[in-house]
Structures are given as structure tokens and as C-alpha cells.
N, C-alpha and C. Protein backbone atom coordinates (compact mmCIF):
# COMPACT_ATOMS: atom_id res chain seq x y z
N MET A 1 -5.40 -37.33 -14.08
CA MET A 1 -4.50 -35.83 -13.78
C MET A 1 -5.42 -34.99 -13.29
N GLU A 2 -5.05 -34.30 -12.18
CA GLU A 2 -5.75 -33.25 -11.60
C GLU A 2 -5.63 -32.16 -12.37
N LYS A 3 -6.78 -31.29 -12.56
CA LYS A 3 -6.54 -30.01 -13.35
C LYS A 3 -6.77 -29.03 -12.23
N LYS A 4 -5.77 -27.93 -12.14
CA LYS A 4 -5.64 -26.89 -11.24
C LYS A 4 -5.95 -25.51 -12.02
N GLY A 5 -6.38 -24.67 -11.42
CA GLY A 5 -6.66 -23.32 -11.90
C GLY A 5 -8.03 -23.43 -12.33
N ALA A 6 -8.53 -21.85 -12.67
CA ALA A 6 -9.50 -21.77 -13.09
C ALA A 6 -9.86 -21.47 -14.74
N GLU A 7 -10.83 -21.79 -15.25
CA GLU A 7 -11.11 -21.46 -16.73
C GLU A 7 -11.84 -20.16 -16.80
N ILE A 8 -10.96 -19.57 -17.61
CA ILE A 8 -11.58 -17.80 -17.94
C ILE A 8 -12.15 -18.09 -19.55
N ASP A 9 -13.31 -17.58 -19.45
CA ASP A 9 -14.29 -17.46 -20.44
C ASP A 9 -14.39 -16.11 -20.98
N THR A 10 -15.44 -15.98 -22.14
CA THR A 10 -15.70 -14.60 -22.64
C THR A 10 -16.63 -14.13 -21.56
N LEU A 11 -16.53 -12.50 -21.84
CA LEU A 11 -17.46 -11.75 -21.01
C LEU A 11 -19.07 -12.27 -21.36
N ILE A 12 -19.75 -11.94 -20.49
CA ILE A 12 -21.24 -12.28 -20.58
C ILE A 12 -21.94 -11.13 -21.44
N ASP A 13 -22.72 -11.25 -22.43
CA ASP A 13 -23.10 -10.49 -23.22
C ASP A 13 -24.10 -9.50 -22.40
N GLY A 14 -24.08 -8.12 -22.90
CA GLY A 14 -24.94 -7.17 -22.08
C GLY A 14 -24.20 -6.60 -20.97
N VAL A 15 -23.22 -7.04 -20.42
CA VAL A 15 -22.58 -6.56 -19.22
C VAL A 15 -21.53 -5.47 -19.84
N VAL A 16 -21.83 -4.36 -19.18
CA VAL A 16 -20.74 -3.28 -19.38
C VAL A 16 -20.16 -2.63 -18.24
N ALA A 17 -18.92 -2.37 -18.41
CA ALA A 17 -17.82 -1.71 -17.50
C ALA A 17 -17.68 -0.37 -17.75
N LYS A 18 -17.91 0.56 -16.64
CA LYS A 18 -17.61 1.89 -16.91
C LYS A 18 -16.80 2.30 -15.75
N VAL A 19 -15.88 3.27 -16.07
CA VAL A 19 -15.11 3.79 -15.02
C VAL A 19 -15.76 5.02 -14.08
N ILE A 20 -15.80 4.56 -12.92
CA ILE A 20 -16.75 5.62 -12.02
C ILE A 20 -15.92 6.47 -11.32
N GLY A 21 -14.44 6.30 -11.41
CA GLY A 21 -13.52 7.38 -10.58
C GLY A 21 -12.44 6.48 -10.32
N ARG A 22 -11.55 7.28 -9.98
CA ARG A 22 -9.89 6.92 -9.95
C ARG A 22 -9.43 7.29 -8.58
N SER A 23 -8.66 6.24 -8.12
CA SER A 23 -8.01 6.47 -6.77
C SER A 23 -6.70 6.36 -6.65
N SER A 24 -5.86 7.17 -6.06
CA SER A 24 -4.37 7.02 -6.18
C SER A 24 -3.89 6.33 -4.80
N LEU A 25 -2.94 5.65 -4.69
CA LEU A 25 -2.27 4.93 -3.52
C LEU A 25 -1.18 5.86 -3.28
N GLN A 26 -0.94 6.00 -1.85
CA GLN A 26 -0.12 6.73 -1.20
C GLN A 26 0.67 5.86 -0.07
N LEU A 27 1.92 6.11 -0.10
CA LEU A 27 2.93 5.56 1.16
C LEU A 27 2.70 6.42 2.46
N LEU A 28 2.15 5.71 3.67
CA LEU A 28 1.75 6.50 4.74
C LEU A 28 2.59 5.96 5.92
N ALA A 29 2.92 6.89 7.04
CA ALA A 29 3.25 6.31 8.05
C ALA A 29 2.87 7.26 9.30
N SER A 30 2.92 6.94 10.58
CA SER A 30 2.67 7.79 11.52
C SER A 30 3.91 8.86 12.05
N PRO A 31 3.76 9.86 12.38
CA PRO A 31 4.80 11.08 12.75
C PRO A 31 5.71 10.19 13.61
N CYS A 32 5.42 9.43 14.65
CA CYS A 32 6.18 8.71 15.79
C CYS A 32 7.31 7.86 14.94
N TYR A 33 6.63 6.99 13.77
CA TYR A 33 7.33 6.13 12.94
C TYR A 33 8.54 6.68 12.47
N PHE A 34 8.26 7.90 11.71
CA PHE A 34 9.10 8.78 11.17
C PHE A 34 10.25 9.57 12.06
N GLU A 35 9.79 9.89 13.29
CA GLU A 35 10.73 10.18 14.20
C GLU A 35 11.91 9.20 14.52
N GLN A 36 11.37 7.83 14.66
CA GLN A 36 12.16 6.62 15.24
C GLN A 36 13.15 6.52 14.10
N TYR A 37 12.73 6.13 12.78
CA TYR A 37 13.06 5.52 11.84
C TYR A 37 13.82 6.54 10.52
N GLY A 38 13.23 7.69 10.60
CA GLY A 38 13.27 8.65 9.36
C GLY A 38 12.43 8.32 8.32
N ALA A 39 12.61 8.95 7.13
CA ALA A 39 11.66 8.99 6.16
C ALA A 39 12.47 8.36 5.17
N PRO A 40 12.16 7.68 4.10
CA PRO A 40 12.79 7.22 3.00
C PRO A 40 12.69 8.33 1.95
N SER A 41 13.98 8.59 1.10
CA SER A 41 13.85 9.62 0.19
C SER A 41 13.77 9.15 -1.11
N THR A 42 14.00 7.64 -1.24
CA THR A 42 13.99 6.92 -2.44
C THR A 42 13.38 5.57 -2.42
N LEU A 43 12.98 5.10 -3.63
CA LEU A 43 12.05 3.78 -3.72
C LEU A 43 12.99 2.79 -2.94
N GLU A 44 14.38 2.95 -3.29
CA GLU A 44 15.36 1.79 -2.77
C GLU A 44 15.33 1.68 -1.17
N MET A 45 15.29 2.99 -0.52
CA MET A 45 15.47 3.19 0.82
C MET A 45 14.20 2.40 1.43
N LEU A 46 13.18 2.11 0.80
CA LEU A 46 12.14 1.32 1.40
C LEU A 46 12.75 -0.02 1.86
N ARG A 47 13.61 -0.66 1.28
CA ARG A 47 14.24 -1.83 2.06
C ARG A 47 14.80 -1.57 3.27
N GLU A 48 15.03 -0.60 3.71
CA GLU A 48 15.56 -0.34 5.03
C GLU A 48 14.50 -0.19 6.22
N HIS A 49 13.22 -0.11 5.65
CA HIS A 49 12.08 0.25 6.67
C HIS A 49 11.21 -0.73 6.90
N HIS A 50 10.48 -0.90 8.17
CA HIS A 50 9.27 -1.71 8.25
C HIS A 50 8.16 -1.30 7.52
N LEU A 51 7.69 -2.37 6.79
CA LEU A 51 6.43 -2.24 5.92
C LEU A 51 5.46 -3.03 6.30
N ILE A 52 4.22 -2.29 6.27
CA ILE A 52 2.96 -3.25 6.58
C ILE A 52 2.30 -3.67 4.96
N PHE A 53 2.15 -4.81 4.64
CA PHE A 53 1.70 -5.21 3.50
C PHE A 53 0.24 -5.79 3.68
N TRP A 54 -0.42 -5.78 2.79
CA TRP A 54 -1.69 -6.29 2.78
C TRP A 54 -2.11 -7.29 1.78
N LYS A 55 -2.76 -8.29 1.80
CA LYS A 55 -3.15 -9.53 1.13
C LYS A 55 -1.83 -10.38 0.83
N GLN A 56 -0.58 -10.07 0.49
CA GLN A 56 0.24 -10.97 0.12
C GLN A 56 1.57 -10.65 0.87
N SER A 57 2.44 -11.46 0.59
CA SER A 57 3.69 -11.39 1.37
C SER A 57 4.87 -10.47 0.76
N TYR A 58 4.29 -9.59 -0.33
CA TYR A 58 5.20 -8.76 -1.00
C TYR A 58 4.27 -7.60 -1.24
N GLN A 59 4.94 -6.42 -1.76
CA GLN A 59 4.23 -5.28 -1.95
C GLN A 59 4.90 -4.60 -3.27
N THR A 60 4.17 -4.22 -4.13
CA THR A 60 4.63 -3.41 -5.15
C THR A 60 4.51 -1.80 -4.96
N PHE A 61 5.60 -1.12 -5.07
CA PHE A 61 5.52 0.32 -5.05
C PHE A 61 6.01 0.99 -6.20
N MET A 62 5.31 1.89 -6.60
CA MET A 62 5.67 3.06 -7.85
C MET A 62 6.24 4.36 -7.41
N SER A 63 7.24 4.88 -7.84
CA SER A 63 7.75 6.18 -7.79
C SER A 63 6.88 7.12 -8.80
N ARG A 64 7.06 8.40 -8.49
CA ARG A 64 6.28 9.38 -9.53
C ARG A 64 6.79 9.42 -10.59
N GLN A 65 7.94 8.89 -11.00
CA GLN A 65 8.58 8.70 -12.18
C GLN A 65 8.23 7.42 -12.98
N GLY A 66 7.43 6.53 -12.22
CA GLY A 66 7.00 5.19 -12.92
C GLY A 66 7.81 4.35 -12.53
N LYS A 67 8.75 4.31 -11.61
CA LYS A 67 9.86 3.54 -11.40
C LYS A 67 9.17 2.42 -10.46
N CYS A 68 9.26 1.12 -10.85
CA CYS A 68 8.27 0.17 -10.02
C CYS A 68 9.34 -0.89 -9.17
N GLY A 69 8.98 -1.25 -7.98
CA GLY A 69 9.60 -2.04 -6.97
C GLY A 69 8.92 -2.99 -6.61
N ALA A 70 9.14 -4.22 -6.41
CA ALA A 70 8.45 -5.28 -5.35
C ALA A 70 9.45 -5.54 -4.31
N TYR A 71 8.64 -5.74 -3.26
CA TYR A 71 9.74 -5.81 -1.95
C TYR A 71 9.05 -7.21 -1.19
N PHE A 72 9.99 -8.03 -0.85
CA PHE A 72 9.56 -9.08 -0.15
C PHE A 72 9.89 -9.13 1.32
N GLN A 73 11.04 -8.58 1.56
CA GLN A 73 11.60 -8.39 2.93
C GLN A 73 11.14 -7.24 3.79
N ASN A 74 11.39 -7.37 5.03
CA ASN A 74 11.13 -6.05 5.84
C ASN A 74 9.64 -6.13 6.04
N ALA A 75 8.69 -6.89 5.78
CA ALA A 75 7.40 -6.76 6.20
C ALA A 75 7.17 -7.20 7.47
N ARG A 76 7.24 -6.01 8.16
CA ARG A 76 6.71 -6.19 9.47
C ARG A 76 5.55 -6.92 10.31
N LEU A 77 4.45 -6.61 9.24
CA LEU A 77 3.19 -7.11 9.36
C LEU A 77 2.45 -7.26 8.15
N THR A 78 1.66 -8.46 7.86
CA THR A 78 0.85 -8.56 6.65
C THR A 78 -0.57 -8.76 7.12
N VAL A 79 -1.44 -7.80 6.59
CA VAL A 79 -2.84 -7.85 6.79
C VAL A 79 -3.59 -8.23 5.71
N ASN A 80 -4.87 -8.58 6.15
CA ASN A 80 -5.84 -8.83 4.97
C ASN A 80 -6.85 -7.58 4.51
N ASN A 81 -6.80 -6.56 5.23
CA ASN A 81 -7.85 -5.46 4.94
C ASN A 81 -7.10 -4.01 4.99
N TRP A 82 -7.70 -3.06 4.49
CA TRP A 82 -7.25 -1.83 4.65
C TRP A 82 -7.39 -1.16 5.90
N GLU A 83 -8.28 -1.37 6.69
CA GLU A 83 -8.59 -0.90 8.13
C GLU A 83 -7.29 -1.44 9.07
N ALA A 84 -6.98 -2.72 8.72
CA ALA A 84 -5.99 -3.18 9.62
C ALA A 84 -4.73 -2.39 9.35
N ALA A 85 -4.41 -2.19 7.96
CA ALA A 85 -3.11 -1.47 7.51
C ALA A 85 -3.17 -0.18 8.12
N ARG A 86 -4.28 0.39 7.91
CA ARG A 86 -4.34 2.01 8.52
C ARG A 86 -4.04 2.02 9.83
N ASN A 87 -4.79 1.23 10.94
CA ASN A 87 -4.74 1.06 12.16
C ASN A 87 -3.14 0.88 12.60
N ALA A 88 -2.58 -0.01 11.94
CA ALA A 88 -1.26 -0.32 12.32
C ALA A 88 -0.09 0.67 11.88
N ALA A 89 -0.39 1.64 10.81
CA ALA A 89 0.30 2.59 10.57
C ALA A 89 -0.06 3.79 11.38
N VAL A 90 -1.28 4.13 11.87
CA VAL A 90 -1.32 4.92 12.83
C VAL A 90 -0.54 4.55 14.13
N ALA A 91 -0.64 3.40 14.60
CA ALA A 91 0.00 2.84 15.84
C ALA A 91 1.65 2.93 15.71
N GLY A 92 2.06 3.03 14.51
CA GLY A 92 3.71 3.38 14.44
C GLY A 92 4.32 1.84 14.24
N TYR A 93 3.65 0.90 13.49
CA TYR A 93 4.25 -0.35 13.02
C TYR A 93 5.19 -0.24 11.73
N GLY A 94 4.81 0.79 10.85
CA GLY A 94 5.74 0.85 9.84
C GLY A 94 5.18 1.67 8.69
N ILE A 95 5.52 1.60 7.46
CA ILE A 95 4.96 2.11 6.35
C ILE A 95 3.91 1.34 5.52
N THR A 96 2.73 1.94 5.29
CA THR A 96 1.89 1.12 4.30
C THR A 96 1.53 2.04 3.00
N GLN A 97 1.07 1.40 1.99
CA GLN A 97 0.37 1.75 0.87
C GLN A 97 -1.14 1.73 0.68
N LEU A 98 -1.79 2.88 0.74
CA LEU A 98 -3.31 2.76 0.99
C LEU A 98 -3.83 3.67 -0.15
N PRO A 99 -4.97 3.71 -0.40
CA PRO A 99 -5.76 4.86 -1.16
C PRO A 99 -5.98 6.07 -0.17
N SER A 100 -5.42 7.20 -0.86
CA SER A 100 -5.38 8.33 -0.29
C SER A 100 -6.82 8.72 0.23
N ALA A 101 -7.97 8.48 -0.33
CA ALA A 101 -9.32 8.93 -0.03
C ALA A 101 -9.40 7.99 1.34
N TYR A 102 -9.26 6.92 1.31
CA TYR A 102 -9.52 5.89 2.53
C TYR A 102 -8.75 6.45 3.97
N CYS A 103 -7.68 7.15 3.72
CA CYS A 103 -6.88 7.74 4.85
C CYS A 103 -6.96 9.47 5.00
N GLN A 104 -7.91 9.80 4.16
CA GLN A 104 -7.96 11.53 4.24
C GLN A 104 -8.31 12.03 5.73
N LYS A 105 -9.13 11.42 6.45
CA LYS A 105 -9.44 11.89 8.02
C LYS A 105 -7.99 11.70 8.88
N GLU A 106 -7.18 10.75 8.64
CA GLU A 106 -6.26 10.44 9.41
C GLU A 106 -4.93 11.24 9.00
N ILE A 107 -5.04 11.65 7.64
CA ILE A 107 -3.88 12.61 7.13
C ILE A 107 -4.30 14.04 7.57
N GLU A 108 -5.58 14.30 7.64
CA GLU A 108 -5.80 15.69 8.05
C GLU A 108 -5.69 15.96 9.68
N GLN A 109 -5.77 15.19 10.37
CA GLN A 109 -5.58 14.94 11.57
C GLN A 109 -4.20 15.00 11.91
N GLY A 110 -3.33 14.64 11.25
CA GLY A 110 -1.89 14.47 11.28
C GLY A 110 -1.41 12.84 12.03
N ALA A 111 -2.68 12.18 11.97
CA ALA A 111 -2.36 10.72 12.42
C ALA A 111 -1.37 10.13 11.63
N LEU A 112 -1.38 10.29 10.16
CA LEU A 112 -0.71 9.70 9.30
C LEU A 112 -0.08 10.61 8.37
N VAL A 113 1.20 10.47 8.09
CA VAL A 113 1.78 11.56 7.10
C VAL A 113 2.35 10.90 5.87
N PRO A 114 2.06 11.37 4.67
CA PRO A 114 2.26 10.70 3.51
C PRO A 114 3.95 10.88 3.33
N VAL A 115 4.55 9.81 2.78
CA VAL A 115 6.16 9.55 2.60
C VAL A 115 6.36 10.45 1.42
N ILE A 116 7.43 11.29 1.46
CA ILE A 116 7.76 12.39 0.56
C ILE A 116 7.77 11.69 -0.66
N TYR A 117 7.19 12.24 -1.79
CA TYR A 117 7.20 11.52 -3.11
C TYR A 117 8.80 11.34 -3.65
N PHE A 118 8.91 10.34 -3.91
CA PHE A 118 10.53 10.29 -4.82
C PHE A 118 10.23 10.15 -6.19
């Protein structure tokens, strides 16, 4: 019988984990994307938009009210790193979800615009 998966054991003695900071995720797209397709005003409206996912073929989004939704369709592009997702969003390929701090420069320059919080 073939065994699949990984064995998870107890933590290593002496290893300590500490919170060193917090990062918030933001939904972002380029101004030209919003000019062409409009901006979603609800979490459900994301289904009607081109989305840029990273790492998997679905993405989970959360509204400010804590409502969560996973989206499997409308992934116009799936990438494996933040830089590719950011560059695709700047180029107008769709809406992506990235850490705010990672895209701060593009937000300040107007290359990326946060989706209005729902």
C-alpha cells in the first residue's frame, strides 16, 4: 500500500514564533481595467470580472464585513508570484489581491487602484 501525504510531528523544542508585523491584502487593478470593465461594488460582482490568481486555480476574497467567498471561474491568469500578479494588474489584465505594502509604489503613482471596499 502506498502512503501519501506528509507526517506532521510536534514542534521542535526551543523554537519560538513571534509576530513581527501584520500585512493586509487589497484588491487592486489598473485604472484602464476599471475604465473598460467598471469596478465591482460587492463581493458577488467579482464573478463578473477578470481575476488574476496566484498559486492556485481559485482565490479566496474577504469583504470588510468578514464575508468570505472563493472564486474558481473567471481566472484570466494564474501566476506563481506576487511580482507577476502585480505586473499583470498594472498591464490591465484584471483584478488581483496582494499585500498593500508590496504595491504601495504603484498605488501612489496611480498605476494600481484599490477596489472600493465592500
